[in-house]
PDB file of N, CA and C in Angstrom:
ATOM      1  N   MET A   1     -15.338  11.192 -15.913  1.00  0.00           N
ATOM      2  CA  MET A   1     -14.032  11.312 -15.299  1.00  0.00           C
ATOM      3  C   MET A   1     -13.519  12.743 -15.472  1.00  0.00           C
ATOM      4  N   SER A   2     -12.994  13.296 -14.427  1.00  0.00           N
ATOM      5  CA  SER A   2     -12.491  14.667 -14.451  1.00  0.00           C
ATOM      6  C   SER A   2     -11.126  14.736 -15.121  1.00  0.00           C
ATOM      7  N   ALA A   3     -10.901  15.840 -15.772  1.00  0.00           N
ATOM      8  CA  ALA A   3      -9.598  16.107 -16.357  1.00  0.00           C
ATOM      9  C   ALA A   3      -8.821  16.988 -15.393  1.00  0.00           C
ATOM     10  N   ILE A   4      -7.521  16.769 -15.354  1.00  0.00           N
ATOM     11  CA  ILE A   4      -6.649  17.608 -14.529  1.00  0.00           C
ATOM     12  C   ILE A   4      -6.018  18.630 -15.454  1.00  0.00           C
ATOM     13  N   ASN A   5      -6.245  19.902 -15.177  1.00  0.00           N
ATOM     14  CA  ASN A   5      -5.606  20.980 -15.921  1.00  0.00           C
ATOM     15  C   ASN A   5      -4.532  21.580 -15.028  1.00  0.00           C
ATOM     16  N   VAL A   6      -3.315  21.598 -15.529  1.00  0.00           N
ATOM     17  CA  VAL A   6      -2.178  22.067 -14.749  1.00  0.00           C
ATOM     18  C   VAL A   6      -1.458  23.155 -15.518  1.00  0.00           C
ATOM     19  N   THR A   7      -1.100  24.231 -14.818  1.00  0.00           N
ATOM     20  CA  THR A   7      -0.314  25.308 -15.400  1.00  0.00           C
ATOM     21  C   THR A   7       0.840  25.615 -14.462  1.00  0.00           C
ATOM     22  N   LEU A   8       2.055  25.564 -14.997  1.00  0.00           N
ATOM     23  CA  LEU A   8       3.230  25.915 -14.207  1.00  0.00           C
ATOM     24  C   LEU A   8       3.390  27.423 -14.233  1.00  0.00           C
ATOM     25  N   ARG A   9       3.390  28.018 -13.061  1.00  0.00           N
ATOM     26  CA  ARG A   9       3.539  29.476 -12.931  1.00  0.00           C
ATOM     27  C   ARG A   9       4.948  29.791 -12.434  1.00  0.00           C
ATOM     28  N   ASP A  10       5.531  30.849 -12.981  1.00  0.00           N
ATOM     29  CA  ASP A  10       6.867  31.299 -12.594  1.00  0.00           C
ATOM     30  C   ASP A  10       7.860  30.144 -12.637  1.00  0.00           C
ATOM     31  N   ALA A  11       7.966  29.550 -13.825  1.00  0.00           N
ATOM     32  CA  ALA A  11       8.874  28.414 -14.025  1.00  0.00           C
ATOM     33  C   ALA A  11      10.318  28.814 -13.730  1.00  0.00           C
ATOM     34  N   PRO A  12      11.135  27.839 -13.355  1.00  0.00           N
ATOM     35  CA  PRO A  12      12.563  28.137 -13.162  1.00  0.00           C
ATOM     36  C   PRO A  12      13.122  28.809 -14.420  1.00  0.00           C
ATOM     37  N   THR A  13      14.052  29.723 -14.245  1.00  0.00           N
ATOM     38  CA  THR A  13      14.519  30.579 -15.339  1.00  0.00           C
ATOM     39  C   THR A  13      15.149  29.811 -16.492  1.00  0.00           C
ATOM     40  N   LYS A  14      15.800  28.707 -16.242  1.00  0.00           N
ATOM     41  CA  LYS A  14      16.480  27.977 -17.319  1.00  0.00           C
ATOM     42  C   LYS A  14      15.588  26.929 -17.980  1.00  0.00           C
ATOM     43  N   MET A  15      14.325  26.873 -17.612  1.00  0.00           N
ATOM     44  CA  MET A  15      13.424  25.866 -18.173  1.00  0.00           C
ATOM     45  C   MET A  15      12.834  26.367 -19.490  1.00  0.00           C
ATOM     46  N   SER A  16      12.992  25.570 -20.540  1.00  0.00           N
ATOM     47  CA  SER A  16      12.450  25.921 -21.852  1.00  0.00           C
ATOM     48  C   SER A  16      10.935  25.718 -21.869  1.00  0.00           C
ATOM     49  N   SER A  17      10.292  26.211 -22.926  1.00  0.00           N
ATOM     50  CA  SER A  17       8.842  26.015 -23.036  1.00  0.00           C
ATOM     51  C   SER A  17       8.500  24.531 -23.168  1.00  0.00           C
ATOM     52  N   GLU A  18       9.371  23.758 -23.824  1.00  0.00           N
ATOM     53  CA  GLU A  18       9.166  22.312 -23.906  1.00  0.00           C
ATOM     54  C   GLU A  18       9.316  21.678 -22.527  1.00  0.00           C
ATOM     55  N   GLY A  19      10.247  22.192 -21.752  1.00  0.00           N
ATOM     56  CA  GLY A  19      10.459  21.701 -20.390  1.00  0.00           C
ATOM     57  C   GLY A  19       9.260  21.999 -19.502  1.00  0.00           C
ATOM     58  N   VAL A  20       8.655  23.164 -19.692  1.00  0.00           N
ATOM     59  CA  VAL A  20       7.457  23.533 -18.941  1.00  0.00           C
ATOM     60  C   VAL A  20       6.326  22.567 -19.274  1.00  0.00           C
ATOM     61  N   ALA A  21       6.120  22.318 -20.561  1.00  0.00           N
ATOM     62  CA  ALA A  21       5.054  21.400 -20.979  1.00  0.00           C
ATOM     63  C   ALA A  21       5.291  19.994 -20.422  1.00  0.00           C
ATOM     64  N   ALA A  22       6.533  19.543 -20.450  1.00  0.00           N
ATOM     65  CA  ALA A  22       6.860  18.214 -19.926  1.00  0.00           C
ATOM     66  C   ALA A  22       6.639  18.163 -18.413  1.00  0.00           C
ATOM     67  N   ALA A  23       7.009  19.225 -17.711  1.00  0.00           N
ATOM     68  CA  ALA A  23       6.829  19.285 -16.256  1.00  0.00           C
ATOM     69  C   ALA A  23       5.345  19.288 -15.903  1.00  0.00           C
ATOM     70  N   GLU A  24       4.538  20.007 -16.663  1.00  0.00           N
ATOM     71  CA  GLU A  24       3.090  20.038 -16.412  1.00  0.00           C
ATOM     72  C   GLU A  24       2.481  18.649 -16.609  1.00  0.00           C
ATOM     73  N   GLN A  25       2.894  17.961 -17.659  1.00  0.00           N
ATOM     74  CA  GLN A  25       2.374  16.613 -17.915  1.00  0.00           C
ATOM     75  C   GLN A  25       2.811  15.648 -16.820  1.00  0.00           C
ATOM     76  N   LYS A  26       4.074  15.731 -16.439  1.00  0.00           N
ATOM     77  CA  LYS A  26       4.601  14.849 -15.390  1.00  0.00           C
ATOM     78  C   LYS A  26       3.898  15.109 -14.062  1.00  0.00           C
ATOM     79  N   PHE A  27       3.695  16.384 -13.732  1.00  0.00           N
ATOM     80  CA  PHE A  27       2.999  16.758 -12.506  1.00  0.00           C
ATOM     81  C   PHE A  27       1.602  16.150 -12.498  1.00  0.00           C
ATOM     82  N   SER A  28       0.881  16.297 -13.594  1.00  0.00           N
ATOM     83  CA  SER A  28      -0.480  15.784 -13.687  1.00  0.00           C
ATOM     84  C   SER A  28      -0.513  14.275 -13.476  1.00  0.00           C
ATOM     85  N   THR A  29       0.392  13.557 -14.103  1.00  0.00           N
ATOM     86  CA  THR A  29       0.457  12.100 -13.983  1.00  0.00           C
ATOM     87  C   THR A  29       0.781  11.681 -12.553  1.00  0.00           C
ATOM     88  N   ILE A  30       1.770  12.324 -11.958  1.00  0.00           N
ATOM     89  CA  ILE A  30       2.169  11.987 -10.591  1.00  0.00           C
ATOM     90  C   ILE A  30       1.050  12.292  -9.612  1.00  0.00           C
ATOM     91  N   LEU A  31       0.411  13.442  -9.774  1.00  0.00           N
ATOM     92  CA  LEU A  31      -0.679  13.820  -8.883  1.00  0.00           C
ATOM     93  C   LEU A  31      -1.794  12.781  -8.923  1.00  0.00           C
ATOM     94  N   ALA A  32      -2.191  12.387 -10.116  1.00  0.00           N
ATOM     95  CA  ALA A  32      -3.279  11.408 -10.262  1.00  0.00           C
ATOM     96  C   ALA A  32      -2.923  10.081  -9.593  1.00  0.00           C
ATOM     97  N   LYS A  33      -1.668   9.688  -9.651  1.00  0.00           N
ATOM     98  CA  LYS A  33      -1.241   8.410  -9.066  1.00  0.00           C
ATOM     99  C   LYS A  33      -1.228   8.433  -7.542  1.00  0.00           C
ATOM    100  N   GLN A  34      -1.322   9.598  -6.944  1.00  0.00           N
ATOM    101  CA  GLN A  34      -1.303   9.706  -5.485  1.00  0.00           C
ATOM    102  C   GLN A  34      -2.641   9.342  -4.852  1.00  0.00           C
ATOM    103  N   PHE A  35      -3.665   9.167  -5.688  1.00  0.00           N
ATOM    104  CA  PHE A  35      -5.003   8.875  -5.177  1.00  0.00           C
ATOM    105  C   PHE A  35      -5.498   7.551  -5.741  1.00  0.00           C
ATOM    106  N   SER A  36      -6.297   6.864  -4.939  1.00  0.00           N
ATOM    107  CA  SER A  36      -6.784   5.547  -5.336  1.00  0.00           C
ATOM    108  C   SER A  36      -7.837   5.612  -6.433  1.00  0.00           C
ATOM    109  N   SER A  37      -8.502   6.758  -6.547  1.00  0.00           N
ATOM    110  CA  SER A  37      -9.538   6.908  -7.573  1.00  0.00           C
ATOM    111  C   SER A  37      -9.701   8.381  -7.920  1.00  0.00           C
ATOM    112  N   GLN A  38     -10.379   8.611  -9.016  1.00  0.00           N
ATOM    113  CA  GLN A  38     -10.694   9.974  -9.424  1.00  0.00           C
ATOM    114  C   GLN A  38     -11.578  10.644  -8.372  1.00  0.00           C
ATOM    115  N   GLU A  39     -12.496   9.855  -7.807  1.00  0.00           N
ATOM    116  CA  GLU A  39     -13.399  10.388  -6.796  1.00  0.00           C
ATOM    117  C   GLU A  39     -12.641  10.843  -5.550  1.00  0.00           C
ATOM    118  N   SER A  40     -11.671  10.046  -5.103  1.00  0.00           N
ATOM    119  CA  SER A  40     -10.921  10.443  -3.903  1.00  0.00           C
ATOM    120  C   SER A  40     -10.081  11.684  -4.167  1.00  0.00           C
ATOM    121  N   MET A  41      -9.537  11.811  -5.387  1.00  0.00           N
ATOM    122  CA  MET A  41      -8.782  13.010  -5.720  1.00  0.00           C
ATOM    123  C   MET A  41      -9.714  14.221  -5.778  1.00  0.00           C
ATOM    124  N   SER A  42     -10.881  14.046  -6.338  1.00  0.00           N
ATOM    125  CA  SER A  42     -11.837  15.151  -6.441  1.00  0.00           C
ATOM    126  C   SER A  42     -12.275  15.634  -5.057  1.00  0.00           C
ATOM    127  N   LYS A  43     -12.550  14.705  -4.145  1.00  0.00           N
ATOM    128  CA  LYS A  43     -12.937  15.076  -2.782  1.00  0.00           C
ATOM    129  C   LYS A  43     -11.800  15.799  -2.071  1.00  0.00           C
ATOM    130  N   ALA A  44     -10.581  15.294  -2.246  1.00  0.00           N
ATOM    131  CA  ALA A  44      -9.423  15.925  -1.618  1.00  0.00           C
ATOM    132  C   ALA A  44      -9.197  17.323  -2.180  1.00  0.00           C
ATOM    133  N   TYR A  45      -9.368  17.467  -3.484  1.00  0.00           N
ATOM    134  CA  TYR A  45      -9.206  18.777  -4.137  1.00  0.00           C
ATOM    135  C   TYR A  45     -10.222  19.773  -3.596  1.00  0.00           C
ATOM    136  N   LYS A  46     -11.482  19.348  -3.485  1.00  0.00           N
ATOM    137  CA  LYS A  46     -12.521  20.229  -2.967  1.00  0.00           C
ATOM    138  C   LYS A  46     -12.239  20.634  -1.525  1.00  0.00           C
ATOM    139  N   ALA A  47     -11.788  19.689  -0.710  1.00  0.00           N
ATOM    140  CA  ALA A  47     -11.452  20.001   0.685  1.00  0.00           C
ATOM    141  C   ALA A  47     -10.271  20.970   0.738  1.00  0.00           C
ATOM    142  N   TYR A  48      -9.305  20.773  -0.126  1.00  0.00           N
ATOM    143  CA  TYR A  48      -8.136  21.656  -0.193  1.00  0.00           C
ATOM    144  C   TYR A  48      -8.553  23.074  -0.574  1.00  0.00           C
ATOM    145  N   GLN A  49      -9.425  23.194  -1.565  1.00  0.00           N
ATOM    146  CA  GLN A  49      -9.911  24.507  -1.979  1.00  0.00           C
ATOM    147  C   GLN A  49     -10.676  25.193  -0.849  1.00  0.00           C
ATOM    148  N   THR A  50     -11.497  24.426  -0.147  1.00  0.00           N
ATOM    149  CA  THR A  50     -12.255  24.968   0.985  1.00  0.00           C
ATOM    150  C   THR A  50     -11.305  25.434   2.086  1.00  0.00           C
ATOM    151  N   ALA A  51     -10.274  24.642   2.342  1.00  0.00           N
ATOM    152  CA  ALA A  51      -9.290  25.015   3.366  1.00  0.00           C
ATOM    153  C   ALA A  51      -8.558  26.288   2.972  1.00  0.00           C
ATOM    154  N   GLN A  52      -8.224  26.436   1.705  1.00  0.00           N
ATOM    155  CA  GLN A  52      -7.542  27.642   1.247  1.00  0.00           C
ATOM    156  C   GLN A  52      -8.423  28.877   1.378  1.00  0.00           C
ATOM    157  N   ASP A  53      -9.712  28.712   1.111  1.00  0.00           N
ATOM    158  CA  ASP A  53     -10.634  29.842   1.247  1.00  0.00           C
ATOM    159  C   ASP A  53     -10.768  30.263   2.699  1.00  0.00           C
ATOM    160  N   GLY A  54     -10.768  29.299   3.596  1.00  0.00           N
ATOM    161  CA  GLY A  54     -10.780  29.571   5.024  1.00  0.00           C
ATOM    162  C   GLY A  54     -12.077  30.085   5.604  1.00  0.00           C
ATOM    163  N   ASP A  55     -13.136  30.104   4.822  1.00  0.00           N
ATOM    164  CA  ASP A  55     -14.401  30.661   5.305  1.00  0.00           C
ATOM    165  C   ASP A  55     -15.256  29.658   6.063  1.00  0.00           C
ATOM    166  N   VAL A  56     -15.045  28.373   5.801  1.00  0.00           N
ATOM    167  CA  VAL A  56     -15.880  27.331   6.383  1.00  0.00           C
ATOM    168  C   VAL A  56     -15.002  26.384   7.195  1.00  0.00           C
ATOM    169  N   PRO A  57     -15.387  26.099   8.438  1.00  0.00           N
ATOM    170  CA  PRO A  57     -14.608  25.116   9.216  1.00  0.00           C
ATOM    171  C   PRO A  57     -14.722  23.741   8.566  1.00  0.00           C
ATOM    172  N   LEU A  58     -13.612  23.007   8.570  1.00  0.00           N
ATOM    173  CA  LEU A  58     -13.581  21.680   7.970  1.00  0.00           C
ATOM    174  C   LEU A  58     -13.746  20.587   9.016  1.00  0.00           C
ATOM    175  N   SER A  59     -14.444  19.542   8.621  1.00  0.00           N
ATOM    176  CA  SER A  59     -14.525  18.364   9.494  1.00  0.00           C
ATOM    177  C   SER A  59     -13.154  17.705   9.560  1.00  0.00           C
ATOM    178  N   THR A  60     -12.991  16.793  10.481  1.00  0.00           N
ATOM    179  CA  THR A  60     -11.714  16.076  10.608  1.00  0.00           C
ATOM    180  C   THR A  60     -11.396  15.335   9.313  1.00  0.00           C
ATOM    181  N   GLN A  61     -12.413  14.712   8.722  1.00  0.00           N
ATOM    182  CA  GLN A  61     -12.199  13.986   7.474  1.00  0.00           C
ATOM    183  C   GLN A  61     -11.791  14.939   6.346  1.00  0.00           C
ATOM    184  N   ALA A  62     -12.442  16.080   6.245  1.00  0.00           N
ATOM    185  CA  ALA A  62     -12.098  17.056   5.218  1.00  0.00           C
ATOM    186  C   ALA A  62     -10.693  17.613   5.431  1.00  0.00           C
ATOM    187  N   GLN A  63     -10.303  17.828   6.699  1.00  0.00           N
ATOM    188  CA  GLN A  63      -8.950  18.279   6.991  1.00  0.00           C
ATOM    189  C   GLN A  63      -7.927  17.251   6.507  1.00  0.00           C
ATOM    190  N   SER A  64      -8.226  15.992   6.743  1.00  0.00           N
ATOM    191  CA  SER A  64      -7.346  14.910   6.308  1.00  0.00           C
ATOM    192  C   SER A  64      -7.249  14.866   4.782  1.00  0.00           C
ATOM    193  N   GLN A  65      -8.376  15.050   4.114  1.00  0.00           N
ATOM    194  CA  GLN A  65      -8.391  15.056   2.646  1.00  0.00           C
ATOM    195  C   GLN A  65      -7.613  16.249   2.097  1.00  0.00           C
ATOM    196  N   ALA A  66      -7.787  17.407   2.715  1.00  0.00           N
ATOM    197  CA  ALA A  66      -7.065  18.603   2.275  1.00  0.00           C
ATOM    198  C   ALA A  66      -5.568  18.418   2.448  1.00  0.00           C
ATOM    199  N   MET A  67      -5.162  17.825   3.552  1.00  0.00           N
ATOM    200  CA  MET A  67      -3.743  17.578   3.798  1.00  0.00           C
ATOM    201  C   MET A  67      -3.196  16.556   2.801  1.00  0.00           C
ATOM    202  N   ALA A  68      -4.000  15.555   2.460  1.00  0.00           N
ATOM    203  CA  ALA A  68      -3.572  14.559   1.478  1.00  0.00           C
ATOM    204  C   ALA A  68      -3.334  15.216   0.122  1.00  0.00           C
ATOM    205  N   PHE A  69      -4.213  16.141  -0.255  1.00  0.00           N
ATOM    206  CA  PHE A  69      -4.032  16.834  -1.530  1.00  0.00           C
ATOM    207  C   PHE A  69      -2.800  17.714  -1.478  1.00  0.00           C
ATOM    208  N   HIS A  70      -2.617  18.425  -0.396  1.00  0.00           N
ATOM    209  CA  HIS A  70      -1.425  19.280  -0.239  1.00  0.00           C
ATOM    210  C   HIS A  70      -0.155  18.444  -0.353  1.00  0.00           C
ATOM    211  N   ASN A  71      -0.116  17.315   0.336  1.00  0.00           N
ATOM    212  CA  ASN A  71       1.066  16.451   0.291  1.00  0.00           C
ATOM    213  C   ASN A  71       1.298  15.892  -1.114  1.00  0.00           C
ATOM    214  N   ALA A  72       0.218  15.550  -1.811  1.00  0.00           N
ATOM    215  CA  ALA A  72       0.341  15.040  -3.178  1.00  0.00           C
ATOM    216  C   ALA A  72       0.880  16.122  -4.117  1.00  0.00           C
ATOM    217  N   VAL A  73       0.410  17.347  -3.944  1.00  0.00           N
ATOM    218  CA  VAL A  73       0.902  18.461  -4.768  1.00  0.00           C
ATOM    219  C   VAL A  73       2.380  18.709  -4.486  1.00  0.00           C
ATOM    220  N   THR A  74       2.763  18.664  -3.230  1.00  0.00           N
ATOM    221  CA  THR A  74       4.166  18.871  -2.863  1.00  0.00           C
ATOM    222  C   THR A  74       5.055  17.814  -3.507  1.00  0.00           C
ATOM    223  N   LYS A  75       4.658  16.561  -3.406  1.00  0.00           N
ATOM    224  CA  LYS A  75       5.441  15.469  -3.993  1.00  0.00           C
ATOM    225  C   LYS A  75       5.497  15.609  -5.510  1.00  0.00           C
ATOM    226  N   ALA A  76       4.364  15.867  -6.133  1.00  0.00           N
ATOM    227  CA  ALA A  76       4.321  16.000  -7.590  1.00  0.00           C
ATOM    228  C   ALA A  76       5.178  17.176  -8.058  1.00  0.00           C
ATOM    229  N   THR A  77       5.171  18.256  -7.307  1.00  0.00           N
ATOM    230  CA  THR A  77       5.990  19.421  -7.664  1.00  0.00           C
ATOM    231  C   THR A  77       7.472  19.068  -7.642  1.00  0.00           C
ATOM    232  N   GLN A  78       7.905  18.431  -6.576  1.00  0.00           N
ATOM    233  CA  GLN A  78       9.315  18.060  -6.444  1.00  0.00           C
ATOM    234  C   GLN A  78       9.752  17.139  -7.581  1.00  0.00           C
ATOM    235  N   LEU A  79       8.936  16.137  -7.881  1.00  0.00           N
ATOM    236  CA  LEU A  79       9.296  15.177  -8.918  1.00  0.00           C
ATOM    237  C   LEU A  79       9.194  15.767 -10.324  1.00  0.00           C
ATOM    238  N   ALA A  80       8.194  16.602 -10.557  1.00  0.00           N
ATOM    239  CA  ALA A  80       8.010  17.180 -11.891  1.00  0.00           C
ATOM    240  C   ALA A  80       9.100  18.181 -12.241  1.00  0.00           C
ATOM    241  N   LEU A  81       9.578  18.923 -11.251  1.00  0.00           N
ATOM    242  CA  LEU A  81      10.622  19.909 -11.518  1.00  0.00           C
ATOM    243  C   LEU A  81      11.993  19.270 -11.642  1.00  0.00           C
ATOM    244  N   GLY A  82      12.138  18.079 -11.095  1.00  0.00           N
ATOM    245  CA  GLY A  82      13.414  17.379 -11.217  1.00  0.00           C
ATOM    246  C   GLY A  82      14.561  18.198 -10.672  1.00  0.00           C
ATOM    247  N   GLY A  83      15.587  18.388 -11.480  1.00  0.00           N
ATOM    248  CA  GLY A  83      16.777  19.100 -11.056  1.00  0.00           C
ATOM    249  C   GLY A  83      16.685  20.602 -11.137  1.00  0.00           C
ATOM    250  N   TYR A  84      15.567  21.124 -11.632  1.00  0.00           N
ATOM    251  CA  TYR A  84      15.425  22.572 -11.710  1.00  0.00           C
ATOM    252  C   TYR A  84      15.163  23.162 -10.335  1.00  0.00           C
ATOM    253  N   ARG A  85      15.767  24.288 -10.087  1.00  0.00           N
ATOM    254  CA  ARG A  85      15.530  24.984  -8.820  1.00  0.00           C
ATOM    255  C   ARG A  85      14.372  25.947  -8.999  1.00  0.00           C
ATOM    256  N   PRO A  86      13.314  25.738  -8.210  1.00  0.00           N
ATOM    257  CA  PRO A  86      12.170  26.654  -8.332  1.00  0.00           C
ATOM    258  C   PRO A  86      12.500  28.023  -7.749  1.00  0.00           C
ATOM    259  N   THR A  87      11.828  29.040  -8.264  1.00  0.00           N
ATOM    260  CA  THR A  87      11.919  30.358  -7.657  1.00  0.00           C
ATOM    261  C   THR A  87      10.972  30.377  -6.462  1.00  0.00           C
ATOM    262  N   GLU A  88      10.976  31.453  -5.741  1.00  0.00           N
ATOM    263  CA  GLU A  88      10.087  31.575  -4.583  1.00  0.00           C
ATOM    264  C   GLU A  88       8.615  31.482  -4.997  1.00  0.00           C
ATOM    265  N   ASP A  89       8.315  31.919  -6.203  1.00  0.00           N
ATOM    266  CA  ASP A  89       6.923  31.955  -6.672  1.00  0.00           C
ATOM    267  C   ASP A  89       6.541  30.795  -7.591  1.00  0.00           C
ATOM    268  N   THR A  90       7.449  29.862  -7.837  1.00  0.00           N
ATOM    269  CA  THR A  90       7.147  28.724  -8.713  1.00  0.00           C
ATOM    270  C   THR A  90       6.066  27.864  -8.071  1.00  0.00           C
ATOM    271  N   ARG A  91       5.039  27.563  -8.885  1.00  0.00           N
ATOM    272  CA  ARG A  91       3.950  26.709  -8.388  1.00  0.00           C
ATOM    273  C   ARG A  91       3.196  26.140  -9.569  1.00  0.00           C
ATOM    274  N   PHE A  92       2.498  25.065  -9.317  1.00  0.00           N
ATOM    275  CA  PHE A  92       1.588  24.480 -10.299  1.00  0.00           C
ATOM    276  C   PHE A  92       0.173  24.848  -9.901  1.00  0.00           C
ATOM    277  N   ASP A  93      -0.547  25.497 -10.791  1.00  0.00           N
ATOM    278  CA  ASP A  93      -1.967  25.753 -10.573  1.00  0.00           C
ATOM    279  C   ASP A  93      -2.722  24.536 -11.071  1.00  0.00           C
ATOM    280  N   VAL A  94      -3.630  24.023 -10.266  1.00  0.00           N
ATOM    281  CA  VAL A  94      -4.368  22.808 -10.577  1.00  0.00           C
ATOM    282  C   VAL A  94      -5.847  23.107 -10.619  1.00  0.00           C
ATOM    283  N   ARG A  95      -6.510  22.564 -11.626  1.00  0.00           N
ATOM    284  CA  ARG A  95      -7.965  22.646 -11.726  1.00  0.00           C
ATOM    285  C   ARG A  95      -8.470  21.277 -12.163  1.00  0.00           C
ATOM    286  N   LEU A  96      -9.520  20.830 -11.516  1.00  0.00           N
ATOM    287  CA  LEU A  96     -10.175  19.598 -11.928  1.00  0.00           C
ATOM    288  C   LEU A  96     -11.481  19.973 -12.600  1.00  0.00           C
ATOM    289  N   ASN A  97     -11.712  19.413 -13.765  1.00  0.00           N
ATOM    290  CA  ASN A  97     -12.964  19.692 -14.498  1.00  0.00           C
ATOM    291  C   ASN A  97     -13.877  18.505 -14.401  1.00  0.00           C
TER     292      ASN A  97
END
């Protein structure tokens, strides 16, 4: 089973280091719940990474998987940050091992 490694980059200015750690954990949990299995999340993550690189055309299925991962990241970001207002550069970096 893959582990999800999450790092919050450019956290909102009023967020404490404990708040950052809590947001990273919450993001990871929410992201994992957006997929029916570890395998489906892994496939979506790989398609998303390929789409970001832009060097290889994606099949329709891979495009759908990439969009599913993007939507899951967006939802997890909104819920994990809660009432904090993100800066323009606030983002969660995600890696699956």
